[in-house]
């Protein structure tokens, strides 16, 4: 990663100390880099957005957080609140680092709708949204979600938030997800 992204990560880290967001973000960053390579996009927008996208969860009391994520979201209000809190945190970090103002505007727009927005307005937004969701298919994310939601692997695979053709914007993300889910199926049979 470029030095500026390392610096953003360093500033973001204290805000990722909830919901296992540190692990989630690290994995999502790897998927974002892979998607940037395959799909194009602007890494100066995508990388800060994916590093900072879930920083707002730190502002949500832990007993409320569970209502805003997972296979069955109970509170769209909690989802929106973490996005708006994340925008404020991201803005503060990026401005403190004298990041490019035009890039900041696009980054904040992506963060503001990364979970609640059902459409994508750009390849950068698609990559961030897809990298965020690909976490669910990774070994670590899949295991964490099974534990979090008290689901057996085969139960987890059947949840609608893993519907590959419905949840992803890019073909590359769909291909990665299919490859990852095959691995999870193999692992769950062991």
Foldseek 3Di string as FASTA:
>chain_A
DDPVLVQLLVLLVVLCPPPVSVVLLVQLLVQLVVCCVVPPDDCLQQSLLSSQLQSLVSVPPNVCQVCDDDLDRNDVPSVQRSLVSSLVSSVVSCVVVVHDPVSNVNSNVLSNPLPPDQDDDDSSSLSSNLSSLLLCLAPVNVVSNCVVVVHQSVRRCPRPSLPLVRRHDDPVSSVSSVVSNVVSVVVSVD
